[in-house]
Protein backbone atom coordinates (compact mmCIF):
# COMPACT_ATOMS: atom_id res chain seq x y z
CA UNK A 1 -0.33 18.66 -3.39
CA UNK A 2 1.21 16.37 -5.46
CA UNK A 3 0.10 16.23 -9.25
CA UNK A 4 -2.94 14.41 -10.34
CA UNK A 5 -3.00 11.46 -12.60
CA UNK A 6 -4.69 11.96 -15.32
CA UNK A 7 -5.89 8.35 -16.08
CA UNK A 8 -6.15 7.35 -12.47
CA UNK A 9 -7.52 10.54 -11.10
CA UNK A 10 -4.88 9.81 -8.49
CA UNK A 11 -2.24 11.61 -6.81
CA UNK A 12 1.12 10.73 -8.98
CA UNK A 13 2.82 9.79 -5.81
CA UNK A 14 0.42 6.99 -5.48
CA UNK A 15 0.25 4.55 -8.18
CA UNK A 16 -2.05 1.07 -8.29
CA UNK A 17 -0.40 -1.51 -10.45
CA UNK A 18 -2.87 -3.89 -10.11
CA UNK A 19 -1.45 -7.15 -7.59
CA UNK A 20 -0.85 -7.43 -3.86
CA UNK A 21 2.54 -5.81 -3.39
CA UNK A 22 4.84 -7.53 -0.63
CA UNK A 23 8.18 -6.08 -1.17
CA UNK A 24 10.01 -3.29 -2.58
CA UNK A 25 13.31 -1.85 -2.98
CA UNK A 26 15.02 0.75 -4.61
CA UNK A 27 17.43 -0.37 -7.37
CA UNK A 28 21.06 0.84 -7.44
CA UNK A 29 21.71 3.76 -9.56
CA UNK A 30 24.74 2.19 -11.58
CA UNK A 31 22.52 -0.57 -12.26
CA UNK A 32 19.78 1.72 -13.09
CA UNK A 33 22.46 3.99 -15.34
CA UNK A 34 23.38 0.74 -17.58
CA UNK A 35 20.81 -1.36 -17.51
CA UNK A 36 17.63 -0.34 -16.95
CA UNK A 37 17.55 3.69 -18.14
CA UNK A 38 19.66 3.55 -20.75
CA UNK A 39 18.15 0.87 -22.30
CA UNK A 40 17.94 2.16 -25.71
CA UNK A 41 14.29 -0.40 -26.26
CA UNK A 42 12.78 1.47 -22.57
CA UNK A 43 14.28 4.26 -21.71
CA UNK A 44 12.56 7.56 -21.95
CA UNK A 45 15.61 9.75 -22.23
CA UNK A 46 16.80 9.01 -25.94
CA UNK A 47 16.55 12.13 -27.06
CA UNK A 48 18.45 13.84 -23.57
CA UNK A 49 21.69 14.77 -24.56
CA UNK A 50 24.29 12.85 -21.84
CA UNK A 51 25.14 16.51 -19.65
CA UNK A 52 21.14 16.45 -19.20
CA UNK A 53 20.54 13.05 -18.23
CA UNK A 54 23.73 12.90 -15.54
CA UNK A 55 22.06 16.20 -14.09
CA UNK A 56 18.97 15.04 -13.58
CA UNK A 57 20.02 11.39 -12.18
CA UNK A 58 19.84 12.97 -8.39
CA UNK A 59 15.97 13.50 -8.57
CA UNK A 60 15.22 10.22 -10.95
CA UNK A 61 15.22 6.52 -9.88
CA UNK A 62 14.09 3.17 -10.19
CA UNK A 63 12.03 0.78 -7.44
CA UNK A 64 11.77 -2.97 -7.83
CA UNK A 65 8.19 -4.00 -6.84
CA UNK A 66 6.92 -7.57 -6.33
CA UNK A 67 3.87 -9.78 -5.79
CA UNK A 68 1.13 -11.15 -7.09
CA UNK A 69 -1.98 -13.19 -6.26
CA UNK A 70 -0.24 -16.79 -5.24
CA UNK A 71 -1.04 -20.25 -6.85
CA UNK A 72 -4.65 -19.86 -6.25
CA UNK A 73 -7.02 -19.38 -9.32
CA UNK A 74 -7.59 -15.92 -8.53
CA UNK A 75 -6.70 -14.66 -12.41
CA UNK A 76 -3.89 -11.86 -10.18
CA UNK A 77 -0.37 -12.91 -11.96
CA UNK A 78 2.39 -13.05 -9.64
CA UNK A 79 5.10 -10.33 -11.41
CA UNK A 80 8.43 -8.50 -10.81
CA UNK A 81 7.94 -4.55 -11.78
CA UNK A 82 10.56 -1.81 -12.35
CA UNK A 83 8.94 1.43 -11.91
CA UNK A 84 10.68 5.03 -12.50
CA UNK A 85 10.29 7.75 -9.39
CA UNK A 86 10.80 10.91 -10.38
CA UNK A 87 11.48 13.31 -7.43
CA UNK A 88 11.14 16.74 -9.12
CA UNK A 89 7.52 15.71 -9.74
CA UNK A 90 6.89 13.39 -6.48
CA UNK A 91 5.49 10.82 -8.53
CA UNK A 92 6.02 7.27 -9.58
CA UNK A 93 5.24 5.65 -13.45
CA UNK A 94 1.68 5.09 -14.21
CA UNK A 95 3.36 2.05 -15.98
CA UNK A 96 6.04 -0.03 -15.05
CA UNK A 97 9.23 0.10 -16.84
CA UNK A 98 9.46 -3.78 -16.85
CA UNK A 99 7.75 -6.16 -16.10
CA UNK A 100 8.48 -9.80 -15.32
CA UNK A 101 5.45 -12.46 -14.70
CA UNK A 102 6.62 -15.76 -12.92
CA UNK A 103 3.44 -18.05 -13.78
CA UNK A 104 2.85 -19.74 -9.99
CA UNK A 105 5.66 -18.60 -8.37
CA UNK A 106 4.57 -15.87 -5.47
CA UNK A 107 7.98 -13.56 -5.45
CA UNK A 108 6.98 -13.11 -1.30
CA UNK A 109 10.44 -11.49 -0.18
CA UNK A 110 13.04 -9.86 -2.00
CA UNK A 111 16.43 -8.41 -1.65
CA UNK A 112 18.50 -6.26 -3.97
CA UNK A 113 22.53 -6.65 -4.78
CA UNK A 114 24.09 -3.55 -3.40
CA UNK A 115 25.67 -3.00 -6.85
CA UNK A 116 24.95 -4.39 -10.44
CA UNK A 117 23.94 -8.01 -9.39
CA UNK A 118 20.49 -8.14 -9.84
CA UNK A 119 17.95 -9.32 -7.19
CA UNK A 120 17.01 -12.28 -4.89
CA UNK A 121 13.55 -13.54 -4.87
CA UNK A 122 11.94 -16.44 -2.71
CA UNK A 123 9.27 -18.08 -3.69
CA UNK A 124 7.16 -20.96 -1.67
CA UNK A 125 9.36 -23.46 -2.17
CA UNK A 126 12.90 -22.22 -4.02
CA UNK A 127 14.67 -18.86 -4.65
CA UNK A 128 15.59 -17.42 -7.88
CA UNK A 129 18.47 -14.53 -8.80
CA UNK A 130 16.93 -12.45 -11.54
CA UNK A 131 18.89 -9.71 -13.73
CA UNK A 132 17.82 -6.56 -14.54
CA UNK A 133 18.13 -7.01 -18.46
CA UNK A 134 15.91 -9.96 -17.69
CA UNK A 135 13.27 -8.11 -15.84
CA UNK A 136 13.24 -5.17 -18.90
CA UNK A 137 13.25 -7.65 -21.19
CA UNK A 138 11.43 -11.06 -20.43
CA UNK A 139 11.88 -14.37 -21.94
CA UNK A 140 9.33 -16.59 -23.49
CA UNK A 141 7.97 -18.82 -20.89
CA UNK A 142 9.80 -22.03 -19.96
CA UNK A 143 9.38 -25.38 -21.72
CA UNK A 144 7.42 -27.75 -19.63
CA UNK A 145 9.62 -29.88 -17.63
CA UNK A 146 12.75 -27.34 -18.44
CA UNK A 147 14.47 -25.77 -15.21
CA UNK A 148 14.52 -22.21 -14.80
CA UNK A 149 18.50 -21.22 -14.74
CA UNK A 150 17.50 -18.31 -11.95
CA UNK A 151 16.68 -21.22 -9.46
CA UNK A 152 19.85 -20.57 -7.07
CA UNK A 153 20.44 -24.65 -6.04
CA UNK A 154 21.91 -24.06 -2.70
CA UNK A 155 18.32 -22.45 -2.46
CA UNK A 156 16.36 -24.96 -3.85
CA UNK A 157 13.28 -26.59 -2.59
CA UNK A 158 14.10 -25.47 1.14
CA UNK A 159 10.32 -24.30 1.61
CA UNK A 160 9.94 -20.64 2.08
CA UNK A 161 12.30 -18.10 2.90
CA UNK A 162 10.93 -14.77 5.09
CA UNK A 163 13.51 -13.20 4.98
CA UNK A 164 16.88 -12.19 2.42
CA UNK A 165 19.95 -9.75 3.06
CA UNK A 166 22.84 -9.08 1.16
CA UNK A 167 25.66 -7.75 3.65
CA UNK A 168 26.41 -3.84 2.31
CA UNK A 169 29.28 -5.09 -0.18
CA UNK A 170 27.14 -7.39 -1.63
CA UNK A 171 29.55 -10.81 -0.71
CA UNK A 172 27.45 -12.23 1.77
CA UNK A 173 23.88 -13.54 0.94
CA UNK A 174 21.46 -14.78 4.27
CA UNK A 175 18.39 -16.25 4.38
CA UNK A 176 15.99 -16.98 6.94
CA UNK A 177 13.13 -20.04 6.50
CA UNK A 178 9.75 -19.97 7.81
CA UNK A 179 10.82 -23.87 9.67
CA UNK A 180 13.30 -21.55 11.74
CA UNK A 181 16.95 -22.33 9.44
CA UNK A 182 19.39 -19.67 9.03
CA UNK A 183 21.68 -19.89 6.11
CA UNK A 184 24.12 -17.75 5.70
CA UNK A 185 26.85 -18.08 2.11
CA UNK A 186 29.72 -16.19 0.70
CA UNK A 187 28.38 -14.44 -3.02
CA UNK A 188 28.64 -15.35 -5.15
CA UNK A 189 30.49 -18.96 -4.82
CA UNK A 190 28.08 -19.79 -2.05
CA UNK A 191 30.30 -21.05 -0.14
CA UNK A 192 28.09 -22.08 3.10
CA UNK A 193 29.13 -20.05 6.02
CA UNK A 194 26.71 -21.13 8.18
CA UNK A 195 23.41 -23.80 8.29
CA UNK A 196 22.03 -23.50 11.67
CA UNK A 197 18.51 -25.49 11.55
CA UNK A 198 16.62 -24.23 14.68
CA UNK A 199 18.24 -20.55 14.94
CA UNK A 200 14.40 -19.70 15.85
CA UNK A 201 10.84 -21.35 15.13
CA UNK A 202 10.77 -19.21 12.49
CA UNK A 203 12.87 -16.73 10.93
CA UNK A 204 10.99 -13.19 10.56
CA UNK A 205 13.99 -10.14 9.67
CA UNK A 206 17.47 -10.38 8.95
CA UNK A 207 20.25 -7.28 9.05
CA UNK A 208 23.73 -7.03 8.43
CA UNK A 209 25.93 -4.12 10.54
CA UNK A 210 27.63 -1.61 8.36
CA UNK A 211 30.87 -3.46 9.01
CA UNK A 212 28.97 -6.47 7.55
CA UNK A 213 31.00 -8.15 10.70
CA UNK A 214 27.66 -9.50 12.94
CA UNK A 215 24.31 -10.22 11.16
CA UNK A 216 21.00 -10.25 13.83
CA UNK A 217 18.31 -12.70 12.79
CA UNK A 218 15.07 -12.39 14.28
CA UNK A 219 12.31 -15.01 15.10
CA UNK A 220 10.25 -15.60 17.99
CA UNK A 221 11.28 -14.24 21.66
CA UNK A 222 14.61 -13.26 20.61
CA UNK A 223 17.16 -12.38 18.40
CA UNK A 224 20.66 -13.65 17.97
CA UNK A 225 23.74 -11.73 16.72
CA UNK A 226 26.17 -13.91 14.81
CA UNK A 227 29.87 -12.73 14.12
CA UNK A 228 29.64 -13.55 9.90
CA UNK A 229 33.39 -15.09 9.65
CA UNK A 230 33.41 -17.05 12.78
CA UNK A 231 30.02 -18.88 11.28
CA UNK A 232 28.89 -18.63 15.51
CA UNK A 233 26.20 -16.92 17.63
CA UNK A 234 28.09 -14.67 19.83
CA UNK A 235 24.80 -12.99 21.85
CA UNK A 236 21.05 -13.51 22.20
CA UNK A 237 18.89 -10.40 22.61
CA UNK A 238 15.45 -11.37 24.57
CA UNK A 239 12.07 -9.61 24.65
CA UNK A 240 10.89 -8.43 27.34
CA UNK A 241 6.84 -8.70 29.42
CA UNK A 242 4.77 -8.23 26.18
CA UNK A 243 7.04 -7.76 23.49
CA UNK A 244 6.74 -9.19 20.09
CA UNK A 245 9.75 -8.64 18.51
CA UNK A 246 8.79 -8.05 14.71
CA UNK A 247 11.28 -6.56 12.50
CA UNK A 248 15.52 -5.50 13.31
CA UNK A 249 17.74 -2.91 11.55
CA UNK A 250 21.02 -1.86 12.19
CA UNK A 251 22.16 1.77 11.40
CA UNK A 252 24.43 4.48 12.58
CA UNK A 253 24.27 7.28 14.87
CA UNK A 254 25.27 11.07 14.46
CA UNK A 255 28.46 10.23 16.27
CA UNK A 256 29.61 7.72 13.90
CA UNK A 257 28.39 4.54 15.90
CA UNK A 258 26.47 1.42 15.29
CA UNK A 259 23.23 0.84 16.74
CA UNK A 260 20.73 -1.70 16.13
CA UNK A 261 17.02 -1.09 16.47
CA UNK A 262 14.18 -4.04 17.15
CA UNK A 263 10.60 -2.70 16.38
CA UNK A 264 8.26 -4.76 18.53
CA UNK A 265 4.70 -4.86 18.88
CA UNK A 266 2.94 -4.67 22.27
CA UNK A 267 0.07 -4.05 24.06
CA UNK A 268 0.21 -0.70 24.22
CA UNK A 269 1.28 -0.33 20.55
CA UNK A 270 4.54 0.10 18.30
CA UNK A 271 7.82 -0.23 21.01
CA UNK A 272 11.48 0.82 19.43
CA UNK A 273 14.15 -1.00 21.34
CA UNK A 274 17.68 0.01 21.03
CA UNK A 275 20.73 -2.06 21.24
CA UNK A 276 24.39 -1.25 22.26
CA UNK A 277 26.39 -3.53 19.77
CA UNK A 278 29.48 -3.79 21.63
CA UNK A 279 27.85 -4.69 24.84
CA UNK A 280 24.50 -6.20 22.90
CA UNK A 281 22.94 -4.70 25.87
CA UNK A 282 19.37 -2.50 25.56
CA UNK A 283 20.02 1.09 25.94
CA UNK A 284 16.05 2.21 25.25
CA UNK A 285 12.87 0.95 24.79
CA UNK A 286 10.28 3.55 23.30
CA UNK A 287 6.46 3.37 23.22
CA UNK A 288 4.89 5.01 19.64
CA UNK A 289 2.26 4.57 18.69
CA UNK A 290 -0.88 2.15 19.50
CA UNK A 291 -1.49 0.96 16.03
CA UNK A 292 0.02 -1.93 15.15
CA UNK A 293 3.42 -2.46 13.28
CA UNK A 294 3.22 -4.59 10.25
CA UNK A 295 6.32 -2.77 7.93
CA UNK A 296 10.00 -1.29 10.01
CA UNK A 297 12.46 0.74 7.71
CA UNK A 298 15.53 2.83 8.88
CA UNK A 299 17.00 5.61 6.35
CA UNK A 300 20.54 4.91 5.16
CA UNK A 301 21.80 8.13 6.99
CA UNK A 302 20.46 7.07 9.91
CA UNK A 303 17.85 10.05 10.86
CA UNK A 304 14.91 8.73 10.39
CA UNK A 305 13.02 5.53 11.06
CA UNK A 306 9.85 4.22 9.03
CA UNK A 307 6.34 2.99 10.50
CA UNK A 308 4.12 0.91 8.49
CA UNK A 309 0.39 -0.27 10.45
CA UNK A 310 -2.14 -2.76 9.87
CA UNK A 311 -4.25 0.17 9.37
CA UNK A 312 -2.41 1.35 6.94
CA UNK A 313 -1.09 4.63 7.91
CA UNK A 314 2.69 5.32 7.30
CA UNK A 315 4.99 7.27 10.41
CA UNK A 316 8.36 8.92 9.65
CA UNK A 317 10.62 9.52 13.08
CA UNK A 318 13.39 11.39 14.02
CA UNK A 319 15.97 8.14 15.29
CA UNK A 320 17.39 10.13 18.04
CA UNK A 321 14.29 10.99 20.15
CA UNK A 322 11.79 9.13 18.04
CA UNK A 323 9.22 12.04 18.31
CA UNK A 324 6.99 11.46 14.94
CA UNK A 325 8.28 13.86 12.26
CA UNK A 326 5.78 12.95 9.75
CA UNK A 327 2.51 10.83 9.39
CA UNK A 328 0.47 9.91 6.30
CA UNK A 329 -2.94 8.60 7.77
CA UNK A 330 -4.41 5.83 5.62
CA UNK A 331 -1.77 6.12 2.91
CA UNK A 332 -2.69 2.34 1.76
CA UNK A 333 -6.26 1.09 2.19
CA UNK A 334 -5.23 -1.85 4.05
CA UNK A 335 -2.13 -2.95 6.12
CA UNK A 336 1.57 -1.66 5.08
CA UNK A 337 3.56 -4.98 3.68
CA UNK A 338 7.11 -3.13 3.47
CA UNK A 339 8.63 0.28 2.66
CA UNK A 340 12.48 1.70 2.38
CA UNK A 341 13.69 4.79 2.13
CA UNK A 342 15.08 5.69 -0.70
CA UNK A 343 19.55 6.27 -0.90
CA UNK A 344 19.43 10.16 -0.10
CA UNK A 345 17.18 9.42 2.62
CA UNK A 346 14.33 12.28 0.60
CA UNK A 347 11.90 10.35 -0.01
CA UNK A 348 10.09 6.77 1.07
CA UNK A 349 7.99 4.03 -0.89
CA UNK A 350 5.56 2.17 1.19
CA UNK A 351 3.24 -0.82 -0.65
CA UNK A 352 0.26 -2.73 0.48
CA UNK A 353 -2.17 -5.63 0.02
CA UNK A 354 -4.34 -2.98 -1.85
CA UNK A 355 -1.83 -3.20 -4.52
CA UNK A 356 -0.94 0.65 -4.19
CA UNK A 357 2.57 2.13 -4.13
CA UNK A 358 3.05 5.17 -2.22
CA UNK A 359 6.07 8.08 -2.12
CA UNK A 360 6.26 10.22 0.37
CA UNK A 361 9.17 12.87 0.61
CA UNK A 362 10.14 13.53 3.98
CA UNK A 363 9.86 16.68 5.41
CA UNK A 364 12.97 18.97 6.62
CA UNK A 365 13.61 17.55 10.44
CA UNK A 366 11.14 20.06 12.81
CA UNK A 367 9.62 21.73 10.02
CA UNK A 368 5.85 21.49 9.09
CA UNK A 369 3.93 21.27 5.81
CA UNK A 370 3.48 25.18 5.04
CA UNK A 371 6.34 26.08 7.83
CA UNK A 372 8.34 28.16 5.40
CA UNK A 373 5.39 29.89 3.68
CA UNK A 374 4.68 30.98 7.27
CA UNK A 375 8.25 32.25 7.48
CA UNK A 376 8.41 34.25 4.25
CA UNK A 377 5.11 35.73 5.10
CA UNK A 378 6.51 37.29 8.30
CA UNK A 379 9.81 38.02 7.12
CA UNK A 380 7.67 39.74 3.92
CA UNK A 381 5.84 42.09 6.46
CA UNK A 382 8.77 42.62 9.07
CA UNK A 383 10.59 44.38 5.57
CA UNK A 384 7.39 46.58 4.52
CA UNK A 385 7.58 47.71 8.17
CA UNK A 386 11.33 48.74 8.29
CA UNK A 387 10.98 50.08 4.47
CA UNK A 388 8.19 52.44 5.85
CA UNK A 389 9.37 53.56 8.77
CA UNK A 390 12.74 54.45 7.25
CA UNK A 391 11.21 56.47 3.72
CA UNK A 392 8.76 57.95 6.54
CA UNK A 393 11.99 59.48 8.35
CA UNK A 394 13.67 60.77 4.89
CA UNK A 395 10.73 62.40 4.04
CA UNK A 396 9.68 59.83 0.74
CA UNK A 397 6.43 59.57 2.17
CA UNK A 398 4.29 61.88 3.91
């Protein structure tokens, strides 16, 4: 059982941060070490020597969350939060390590640069770049009429961006808009690579291939495959029957081949569709559950899929057989808005409108909770019986 939070009387792997949460991601380890944990004013490890800090780095990481109340007068702020994750204690920090209040701009979607480049958040009209040190030590509010330096000029006054993504190297940025426009830039030069105003009716999801050659954009009834360097669409992947395509993710299978996953909602529930990335033909369509999916992701090692539902459940599946490995019923009080695996695929963090973030440690494949204890108990009984008969045969016991 997870440790209990003394202040909130809830499991320490679940924390409430006071605002509806829309996005979550893991902060790259290099940024954590250089900008966050080792910050002299904010570090909880000031008194820990370097060797001890290094030995614990694999289990102590940080996540970034964004959310808030939007432009209304609800009194709920719009914020970006940095929180600690400790796998040794299966816990999230009760208080954020860093907090940046954004005024009336709701950070609805975000993407984290894979190295030290900070993160980009989309607000209703523009996109802004935030450095980790800026979130850890925020400046005072801007004066009236002053232009925030974080606003990205090429993504200013372009409407709401529903999807943002960096390629694995962090050298290309893609932004998909509510009005269906797809924009792709070199980063950080912002040289335009793709600017397609009618890519979709509305762009819902973006994903880069592992080698960065392809970008898949999803919206409406189809996915479009773009060859980034050629700045052109090379394939269209259409829905079938009652499928409503909702999310897309590239990954690598056990043989090292790239594979594209598309998660769809149907009348029968969630369906996971896999596509061959050479022929761009469907390989499989696997129904999963009757509930409606609201969030989807793939683990960095490619072995697991995660689904968040409108009902607040979290499902973790084997990516090969599409069999459920783990279910967290009512992980949240409402729909799951986003979820993300840790870089080592050991755990998953999910967030929701209920203002909660939840850490779920991944069970080993094929291992149910308590299985290890049953195995140990059976082994103990077996050894006891063997020892008894051995001692009896030797005449040590009557």
